[in-house]
Amino acid sequence: VMSPYRRQVTEIRRQLQEARLLDLQVSSIDAFQGREVDVALLSCVRSGKEKNLGFVSDVRRMNVALTRARRSLIVLGNSSVL
């Protein structure tokens, strides 16, 4: 699981720990640079407010996020904004 937002990473980790799903990696997009995983889930859920992409509009950061998955990439977000 990747997110461009540190606080969102913290919250995702907390919820996964509560659900006892401790074997999932959750990090910021920047922390995933140089690593690959078989399946990646990219959270862009904060991109839907006021049609503002925020960190998601950074081309370099999105390049890192979109190229970390070897087999499958799942992107969560507002489709009309993305």
PDB file of N, CA and C in Angstrom:
ATOM      1  N   VAL A   1       0.849  -1.172   0.000  1.00  0.00           N
ATOM      2  CA  VAL A   1       0.000   0.000   0.000  1.00  0.00           C
ATOM      3  C   VAL A   1       0.893   1.232   0.000  1.00  0.00           C
ATOM      4  N   MET A   2       0.619   2.161  -0.929  1.00  0.00           N
ATOM      5  CA  MET A   2       1.367   3.419  -1.013  1.00  0.00           C
ATOM      6  C   MET A   2       0.413   4.594  -0.898  1.00  0.00           C
ATOM      7  N   SER A   3       0.905   5.634  -0.250  1.00  0.00           N
ATOM      8  CA  SER A   3       0.168   6.884  -0.173  1.00  0.00           C
ATOM      9  C   SER A   3       1.151   8.035  -0.218  1.00  0.00           C
ATOM     10  N   PRO A   4       0.773   9.140  -0.834  1.00  0.00           N
ATOM     11  CA  PRO A   4       1.668  10.293  -0.832  1.00  0.00           C
ATOM     12  C   PRO A   4       1.647  11.041   0.499  1.00  0.00           C
ATOM     13  N   TYR A   5       0.753  10.660   1.413  1.00  0.00           N
ATOM     14  CA  TYR A   5       0.558  11.396   2.658  1.00  0.00           C
ATOM     15  C   TYR A   5       0.989  10.591   3.879  1.00  0.00           C
ATOM     16  N   ARG A   6       1.889  11.152   4.669  1.00  0.00           N
ATOM     17  CA  ARG A   6       2.420  10.475   5.854  1.00  0.00           C
ATOM     18  C   ARG A   6       1.318  10.113   6.863  1.00  0.00           C
ATOM     19  N   ARG A   7       0.401  11.037   7.095  1.00  0.00           N
ATOM     20  CA  ARG A   7      -0.661  10.767   8.074  1.00  0.00           C
ATOM     21  C   ARG A   7      -1.586   9.647   7.596  1.00  0.00           C
ATOM     22  N   GLN A   8      -1.803   9.572   6.295  1.00  0.00           N
ATOM     23  CA  GLN A   8      -2.625   8.500   5.751  1.00  0.00           C
ATOM     24  C   GLN A   8      -1.912   7.156   5.907  1.00  0.00           C
ATOM     25  N   VAL A   9      -0.594   7.137   5.698  1.00  0.00           N
ATOM     26  CA  VAL A   9       0.192   5.913   5.904  1.00  0.00           C
ATOM     27  C   VAL A   9       0.043   5.451   7.347  1.00  0.00           C
ATOM     28  N   THR A  10       0.158   6.373   8.279  1.00  0.00           N
ATOM     29  CA  THR A  10       0.027   6.043   9.704  1.00  0.00           C
ATOM     30  C   THR A  10      -1.351   5.459  10.000  1.00  0.00           C
ATOM     31  N   GLU A  11      -2.390   6.058   9.451  1.00  0.00           N
ATOM     32  CA  GLU A  11      -3.756   5.579   9.696  1.00  0.00           C
ATOM     33  C   GLU A  11      -3.995   4.213   9.053  1.00  0.00           C
ATOM     34  N   ILE A  12      -3.503   4.002   7.851  1.00  0.00           N
ATOM     35  CA  ILE A  12      -3.655   2.702   7.180  1.00  0.00           C
ATOM     36  C   ILE A  12      -2.951   1.618   8.000  1.00  0.00           C
ATOM     37  N   ARG A  13      -1.737   1.910   8.466  1.00  0.00           N
ATOM     38  CA  ARG A  13      -1.006   0.940   9.300  1.00  0.00           C
ATOM     39  C   ARG A  13      -1.781   0.605  10.563  1.00  0.00           C
ATOM     40  N   ARG A  14      -2.358   1.636  11.208  1.00  0.00           N
ATOM     41  CA  ARG A  14      -3.121   1.418  12.445  1.00  0.00           C
ATOM     42  C   ARG A  14      -4.318   0.512  12.177  1.00  0.00           C
ATOM     43  N   GLN A  15      -5.035   0.781  11.096  1.00  0.00           N
ATOM     44  CA  GLN A  15      -6.220  -0.025  10.797  1.00  0.00           C
ATOM     45  C   GLN A  15      -5.847  -1.453  10.406  1.00  0.00           C
ATOM     46  N   LEU A  16      -4.759  -1.626   9.673  1.00  0.00           N
ATOM     47  CA  LEU A  16      -4.317  -2.979   9.319  1.00  0.00           C
ATOM     48  C   LEU A  16      -3.875  -3.751  10.549  1.00  0.00           C
ATOM     49  N   GLN A  17      -3.235  -3.055  11.485  1.00  0.00           N
ATOM     50  CA  GLN A  17      -2.814  -3.705  12.728  1.00  0.00           C
ATOM     51  C   GLN A  17      -4.030  -4.160  13.527  1.00  0.00           C
ATOM     52  N   GLU A  18      -5.059  -3.315  13.590  1.00  0.00           N
ATOM     53  CA  GLU A  18      -6.305  -3.695  14.271  1.00  0.00           C
ATOM     54  C   GLU A  18      -6.931  -4.920  13.616  1.00  0.00           C
ATOM     55  N   ALA A  19      -6.832  -5.014  12.304  1.00  0.00           N
ATOM     56  CA  ALA A  19      -7.402  -6.145  11.563  1.00  0.00           C
ATOM     57  C   ALA A  19      -6.451  -7.346  11.528  1.00  0.00           C
ATOM     58  N   ARG A  20      -5.305  -7.213  12.193  1.00  0.00           N
ATOM     59  CA  ARG A  20      -4.276  -8.254  12.270  1.00  0.00           C
ATOM     60  C   ARG A  20      -3.723  -8.648  10.893  1.00  0.00           C
ATOM     61  N   LEU A  21      -3.626  -7.678  10.016  1.00  0.00           N
ATOM     62  CA  LEU A  21      -3.030  -7.886   8.692  1.00  0.00           C
ATOM     63  C   LEU A  21      -1.627  -7.277   8.722  1.00  0.00           C
ATOM     64  N   LEU A  22      -0.758  -7.914   9.485  1.00  0.00           N
ATOM     65  CA  LEU A  22       0.556  -7.350   9.779  1.00  0.00           C
ATOM     66  C   LEU A  22       1.585  -7.603   8.695  1.00  0.00           C
ATOM     67  N   ASP A  23       1.295  -8.472   7.736  1.00  0.00           N
ATOM     68  CA  ASP A  23       2.298  -8.811   6.736  1.00  0.00           C
ATOM     69  C   ASP A  23       2.235  -7.923   5.490  1.00  0.00           C
ATOM     70  N   LEU A  24       1.398  -6.898   5.506  1.00  0.00           N
ATOM     71  CA  LEU A  24       1.302  -5.973   4.374  1.00  0.00           C
ATOM     72  C   LEU A  24       2.253  -4.792   4.576  1.00  0.00           C
ATOM     73  N   GLN A  25       2.920  -4.392   3.507  1.00  0.00           N
ATOM     74  CA  GLN A  25       3.808  -3.230   3.548  1.00  0.00           C
ATOM     75  C   GLN A  25       2.986  -1.977   3.284  1.00  0.00           C
ATOM     76  N   VAL A  26       3.166  -0.973   4.129  1.00  0.00           N
ATOM     77  CA  VAL A  26       2.501   0.309   3.941  1.00  0.00           C
ATOM     78  C   VAL A  26       3.566   1.387   4.084  1.00  0.00           C
ATOM     79  N   SER A  27       3.732   2.201   3.042  1.00  0.00           N
ATOM     80  CA  SER A  27       4.754   3.246   3.065  1.00  0.00           C
ATOM     81  C   SER A  27       4.326   4.416   2.202  1.00  0.00           C
ATOM     82  N   SER A  28       5.060   5.501   2.360  1.00  0.00           N
ATOM     83  CA  SER A  28       4.849   6.642   1.479  1.00  0.00           C
ATOM     84  C   SER A  28       5.393   6.291   0.094  1.00  0.00           C
ATOM     85  N   ILE A  29       4.969   7.036  -0.894  1.00  0.00           N
ATOM     86  CA  ILE A  29       5.464   6.815  -2.251  1.00  0.00           C
ATOM     87  C   ILE A  29       6.974   6.984  -2.286  1.00  0.00           C
ATOM     88  N   ASP A  30       7.476   7.998  -1.597  1.00  0.00           N
ATOM     89  CA  ASP A  30       8.918   8.247  -1.586  1.00  0.00           C
ATOM     90  C   ASP A  30       9.685   7.068  -1.005  1.00  0.00           C
ATOM     91  N   ALA A  31       9.138   6.402   0.005  1.00  0.00           N
ATOM     92  CA  ALA A  31       9.814   5.247   0.633  1.00  0.00           C
ATOM     93  C   ALA A  31       9.850   4.042  -0.299  1.00  0.00           C
ATOM     94  N   PHE A  32       8.950   3.982  -1.268  1.00  0.00           N
ATOM     95  CA  PHE A  32       8.917   2.858  -2.217  1.00  0.00           C
ATOM     96  C   PHE A  32       9.913   3.020  -3.359  1.00  0.00           C
ATOM     97  N   GLN A  33      10.523   4.184  -3.482  1.00  0.00           N
ATOM     98  CA  GLN A  33      11.463   4.408  -4.575  1.00  0.00           C
ATOM     99  C   GLN A  33      12.598   3.391  -4.500  1.00  0.00           C
ATOM    100  N   GLY A  34      12.888   2.755  -5.642  1.00  0.00           N
ATOM    101  CA  GLY A  34      13.940   1.748  -5.710  1.00  0.00           C
ATOM    102  C   GLY A  34      13.495   0.349  -5.322  1.00  0.00           C
ATOM    103  N   ARG A  35      12.235   0.180  -4.912  1.00  0.00           N
ATOM    104  CA  ARG A  35      11.704  -1.139  -4.548  1.00  0.00           C
ATOM    105  C   ARG A  35      10.609  -1.537  -5.518  1.00  0.00           C
ATOM    106  N   GLU A  36      10.391  -2.841  -5.622  1.00  0.00           N
ATOM    107  CA  GLU A  36       9.272  -3.363  -6.409  1.00  0.00           C
ATOM    108  C   GLU A  36       8.504  -4.362  -5.572  1.00  0.00           C
ATOM    109  N   VAL A  37       7.222  -4.486  -5.848  1.00  0.00           N
ATOM    110  CA  VAL A  37       6.361  -5.475  -5.198  1.00  0.00           C
ATOM    111  C   VAL A  37       5.513  -6.123  -6.285  1.00  0.00           C
ATOM    112  N   ASP A  38       5.006  -7.311  -6.019  1.00  0.00           N
ATOM    113  CA  ASP A  38       4.155  -7.983  -7.007  1.00  0.00           C
ATOM    114  C   ASP A  38       2.850  -7.225  -7.226  1.00  0.00           C
ATOM    115  N   VAL A  39       2.200  -6.818  -6.127  1.00  0.00           N
ATOM    116  CA  VAL A  39       0.926  -6.116  -6.206  1.00  0.00           C
ATOM    117  C   VAL A  39       1.036  -4.841  -5.383  1.00  0.00           C
ATOM    118  N   ALA A  40       0.649  -3.729  -5.973  1.00  0.00           N
ATOM    119  CA  ALA A  40       0.684  -2.449  -5.263  1.00  0.00           C
ATOM    120  C   ALA A  40      -0.700  -1.822  -5.280  1.00  0.00           C
ATOM    121  N   LEU A  41      -1.058  -1.219  -4.161  1.00  0.00           N
ATOM    122  CA  LEU A  41      -2.294  -0.468  -4.044  1.00  0.00           C
ATOM    123  C   LEU A  41      -1.897   0.979  -3.784  1.00  0.00           C
ATOM    124  N   LEU A  42      -2.307   1.877  -4.649  1.00  0.00           N
ATOM    125  CA  LEU A  42      -1.973   3.291  -4.545  1.00  0.00           C
ATOM    126  C   LEU A  42      -3.201   4.056  -4.086  1.00  0.00           C
ATOM    127  N   SER A  43      -3.096   4.687  -2.935  1.00  0.00           N
ATOM    128  CA  SER A  43      -4.200   5.458  -2.391  1.00  0.00           C
ATOM    129  C   SER A  43      -4.085   6.908  -2.818  1.00  0.00           C
ATOM    130  N   CYS A  44      -5.038   7.359  -3.597  1.00  0.00           N
ATOM    131  CA  CYS A  44      -5.115   8.770  -4.017  1.00  0.00           C
ATOM    132  C   CYS A  44      -6.430   9.362  -3.530  1.00  0.00           C
ATOM    133  N   VAL A  45      -6.936   8.866  -2.424  1.00  0.00           N
ATOM    134  CA  VAL A  45      -8.284   9.232  -2.000  1.00  0.00           C
ATOM    135  C   VAL A  45      -8.413  10.690  -1.589  1.00  0.00           C
ATOM    136  N   ARG A  46      -7.326  11.355  -1.249  1.00  0.00           N
ATOM    137  CA  ARG A  46      -7.421  12.782  -0.910  1.00  0.00           C
ATOM    138  C   ARG A  46      -7.400  13.659  -2.147  1.00  0.00           C
ATOM    139  N   SER A  47      -7.297  13.093  -3.316  1.00  0.00           N
ATOM    140  CA  SER A  47      -7.213  13.882  -4.539  1.00  0.00           C
ATOM    141  C   SER A  47      -8.578  14.392  -5.008  1.00  0.00           C
ATOM    142  N   GLY A  48      -9.660  14.028  -4.348  1.00  0.00           N
ATOM    143  CA  GLY A  48     -10.983  14.370  -4.827  1.00  0.00           C
ATOM    144  C   GLY A  48     -11.524  15.702  -4.360  1.00  0.00           C
ATOM    145  N   LYS A  49     -10.873  16.345  -3.402  1.00  0.00           N
ATOM    146  CA  LYS A  49     -11.394  17.599  -2.875  1.00  0.00           C
ATOM    147  C   LYS A  49     -11.131  18.744  -3.839  1.00  0.00           C
ATOM    148  N   GLU A  50     -12.185  19.435  -4.203  1.00  0.00           N
ATOM    149  CA  GLU A  50     -12.100  20.645  -5.014  1.00  0.00           C
ATOM    150  C   GLU A  50     -11.305  20.449  -6.303  1.00  0.00           C
ATOM    151  N   LYS A  51     -11.341  19.261  -6.858  1.00  0.00           N
ATOM    152  CA  LYS A  51     -10.624  18.965  -8.108  1.00  0.00           C
ATOM    153  C   LYS A  51      -9.141  19.333  -8.026  1.00  0.00           C
ATOM    154  N   ASN A  52      -8.553  19.142  -6.847  1.00  0.00           N
ATOM    155  CA  ASN A  52      -7.139  19.473  -6.616  1.00  0.00           C
ATOM    156  C   ASN A  52      -6.379  18.173  -6.412  1.00  0.00           C
ATOM    157  N   LEU A  53      -5.345  17.946  -7.205  1.00  0.00           N
ATOM    158  CA  LEU A  53      -4.592  16.702  -7.122  1.00  0.00           C
ATOM    159  C   LEU A  53      -3.499  16.709  -6.058  1.00  0.00           C
ATOM    160  N   GLY A  54      -3.075  17.859  -5.603  1.00  0.00           N
ATOM    161  CA  GLY A  54      -2.052  17.918  -4.558  1.00  0.00           C
ATOM    162  C   GLY A  54      -0.791  17.187  -4.970  1.00  0.00           C
ATOM    163  N   PHE A  55      -0.297  16.304  -4.078  1.00  0.00           N
ATOM    164  CA  PHE A  55       0.929  15.560  -4.337  1.00  0.00           C
ATOM    165  C   PHE A  55       0.822  14.679  -5.583  1.00  0.00           C
ATOM    166  N   VAL A  56      -0.382  14.262  -5.911  1.00  0.00           N
ATOM    167  CA  VAL A  56      -0.583  13.374  -7.051  1.00  0.00           C
ATOM    168  C   VAL A  56      -0.190  14.065  -8.361  1.00  0.00           C
ATOM    169  N   SER A  57      -0.184  15.383  -8.384  1.00  0.00           N
ATOM    170  CA  SER A  57       0.170  16.104  -9.605  1.00  0.00           C
ATOM    171  C   SER A  57       1.679  16.167  -9.841  1.00  0.00           C
ATOM    172  N   ASP A  58       2.494  15.712  -8.880  1.00  0.00           N
ATOM    173  CA  ASP A  58       3.955  15.686  -9.043  1.00  0.00           C
ATOM    174  C   ASP A  58       4.323  14.509  -9.949  1.00  0.00           C
ATOM    175  N   VAL A  59       4.774  14.805 -11.167  1.00  0.00           N
ATOM    176  CA  VAL A  59       5.043  13.774 -12.171  1.00  0.00           C
ATOM    177  C   VAL A  59       6.082  12.770 -11.679  1.00  0.00           C
ATOM    178  N   ARG A  60       7.134  13.219 -11.032  1.00  0.00           N
ATOM    179  CA  ARG A  60       8.184  12.297 -10.558  1.00  0.00           C
ATOM    180  C   ARG A  60       7.654  11.351  -9.490  1.00  0.00           C
ATOM    181  N   ARG A  61       6.877  11.889  -8.575  1.00  0.00           N
ATOM    182  CA  ARG A  61       6.310  11.061  -7.505  1.00  0.00           C
ATOM    183  C   ARG A  61       5.344  10.033  -8.087  1.00  0.00           C
ATOM    184  N   MET A  62       4.525  10.451  -9.052  1.00  0.00           N
ATOM    185  CA  MET A  62       3.578   9.517  -9.665  1.00  0.00           C
ATOM    186  C   MET A  62       4.307   8.471 -10.502  1.00  0.00           C
ATOM    187  N   ASN A  63       5.418   8.828 -11.137  1.00  0.00           N
ATOM    188  CA  ASN A  63       6.207   7.850 -11.882  1.00  0.00           C
ATOM    189  C   ASN A  63       6.695   6.753 -10.947  1.00  0.00           C
ATOM    190  N   VAL A  64       7.178   7.128  -9.778  1.00  0.00           N
ATOM    191  CA  VAL A  64       7.602   6.135  -8.790  1.00  0.00           C
ATOM    192  C   VAL A  64       6.417   5.256  -8.405  1.00  0.00           C
ATOM    193  N   ALA A  65       5.284   5.875  -8.082  1.00  0.00           N
ATOM    194  CA  ALA A  65       4.110   5.117  -7.630  1.00  0.00           C
ATOM    195  C   ALA A  65       3.607   4.148  -8.687  1.00  0.00           C
ATOM    196  N   LEU A  66       3.570   4.583  -9.929  1.00  0.00           N
ATOM    197  CA  LEU A  66       2.981   3.766 -10.987  1.00  0.00           C
ATOM    198  C   LEU A  66       3.904   2.667 -11.505  1.00  0.00           C
ATOM    199  N   THR A  67       5.162   2.703 -11.133  1.00  0.00           N
ATOM    200  CA  THR A  67       6.109   1.707 -11.646  1.00  0.00           C
ATOM    201  C   THR A  67       6.641   0.767 -10.575  1.00  0.00           C
ATOM    202  N   ARG A  68       6.028   0.700  -9.417  1.00  0.00           N
ATOM    203  CA  ARG A  68       6.492  -0.182  -8.334  1.00  0.00           C
ATOM    204  C   ARG A  68       5.936  -1.597  -8.437  1.00  0.00           C
ATOM    205  N   ALA A  69       4.814  -1.774  -9.108  1.00  0.00           N
ATOM    206  CA  ALA A  69       4.163  -3.085  -9.181  1.00  0.00           C
ATOM    207  C   ALA A  69       4.721  -3.912 -10.330  1.00  0.00           C
ATOM    208  N   ARG A  70       5.040  -5.173 -10.032  1.00  0.00           N
ATOM    209  CA  ARG A  70       5.492  -6.096 -11.080  1.00  0.00           C
ATOM    210  C   ARG A  70       4.306  -6.670 -11.850  1.00  0.00           C
ATOM    211  N   ARG A  71       3.227  -6.997 -11.159  1.00  0.00           N
ATOM    212  CA  ARG A  71       2.110  -7.707 -11.783  1.00  0.00           C
ATOM    213  C   ARG A  71       0.799  -6.915 -11.801  1.00  0.00           C
ATOM    214  N   SER A  72       0.457  -6.277 -10.698  1.00  0.00           N
ATOM    215  CA  SER A  72      -0.841  -5.586 -10.625  1.00  0.00           C
ATOM    216  C   SER A  72      -0.710  -4.285  -9.838  1.00  0.00           C
ATOM    217  N   LEU A  73      -1.380  -3.263 -10.345  1.00  0.00           N
ATOM    218  CA  LEU A  73      -1.459  -1.982  -9.652  1.00  0.00           C
ATOM    219  C   LEU A  73      -2.929  -1.618  -9.491  1.00  0.00           C
ATOM    220  N   ILE A  74      -3.325  -1.334  -8.276  1.00  0.00           N
ATOM    221  CA  ILE A  74      -4.698  -0.919  -7.984  1.00  0.00           C
ATOM    222  C   ILE A  74      -4.615   0.524  -7.508  1.00  0.00           C
ATOM    223  N   VAL A  75      -5.367   1.412  -8.164  1.00  0.00           N
ATOM    224  CA  VAL A  75      -5.363   2.820  -7.810  1.00  0.00           C
ATOM    225  C   VAL A  75      -6.738   3.170  -7.234  1.00  0.00           C
ATOM    226  N   LEU A  76      -6.742   3.695  -6.016  1.00  0.00           N
ATOM    227  CA  LEU A  76      -7.978   4.130  -5.374  1.00  0.00           C
ATOM    228  C   LEU A  76      -8.034   5.646  -5.397  1.00  0.00           C
ATOM    229  N   GLY A  77      -9.123   6.199  -5.889  1.00  0.00           N
ATOM    230  CA  GLY A  77      -9.260   7.641  -5.928  1.00  0.00           C
ATOM    231  C   GLY A  77     -10.510   8.049  -6.677  1.00  0.00           C
ATOM    232  N   ASN A  78     -10.697   9.327  -6.794  1.00  0.00           N
ATOM    233  CA  ASN A  78     -11.844   9.890  -7.493  1.00  0.00           C
ATOM    234  C   ASN A  78     -11.554   9.845  -8.986  1.00  0.00           C
ATOM    235  N   SER A  79     -12.231   9.003  -9.726  1.00  0.00           N
ATOM    236  CA  SER A  79     -11.924   8.809 -11.141  1.00  0.00           C
ATOM    237  C   SER A  79     -12.124  10.074 -11.972  1.00  0.00           C
ATOM    238  N   SER A  80     -13.072  10.913 -11.625  1.00  0.00           N
ATOM    239  CA  SER A  80     -13.285  12.134 -12.408  1.00  0.00           C
ATOM    240  C   SER A  80     -12.152  13.133 -12.215  1.00  0.00           C
ATOM    241  N   VAL A  81     -11.479  13.079 -11.082  1.00  0.00           N
ATOM    242  CA  VAL A  81     -10.341  13.965 -10.835  1.00  0.00           C
ATOM    243  C   VAL A  81      -9.068  13.358 -11.423  1.00  0.00           C
ATOM    244  N   LEU A  82      -8.867  12.066 -11.225  1.00  0.00           N
ATOM    245  CA  LEU A  82      -7.674  11.415 -11.719  1.00  0.00           C
ATOM    246  C   LEU A  82      -7.679  11.317 -13.229  1.00  0.00           C
TER     247      LEU A  82
END
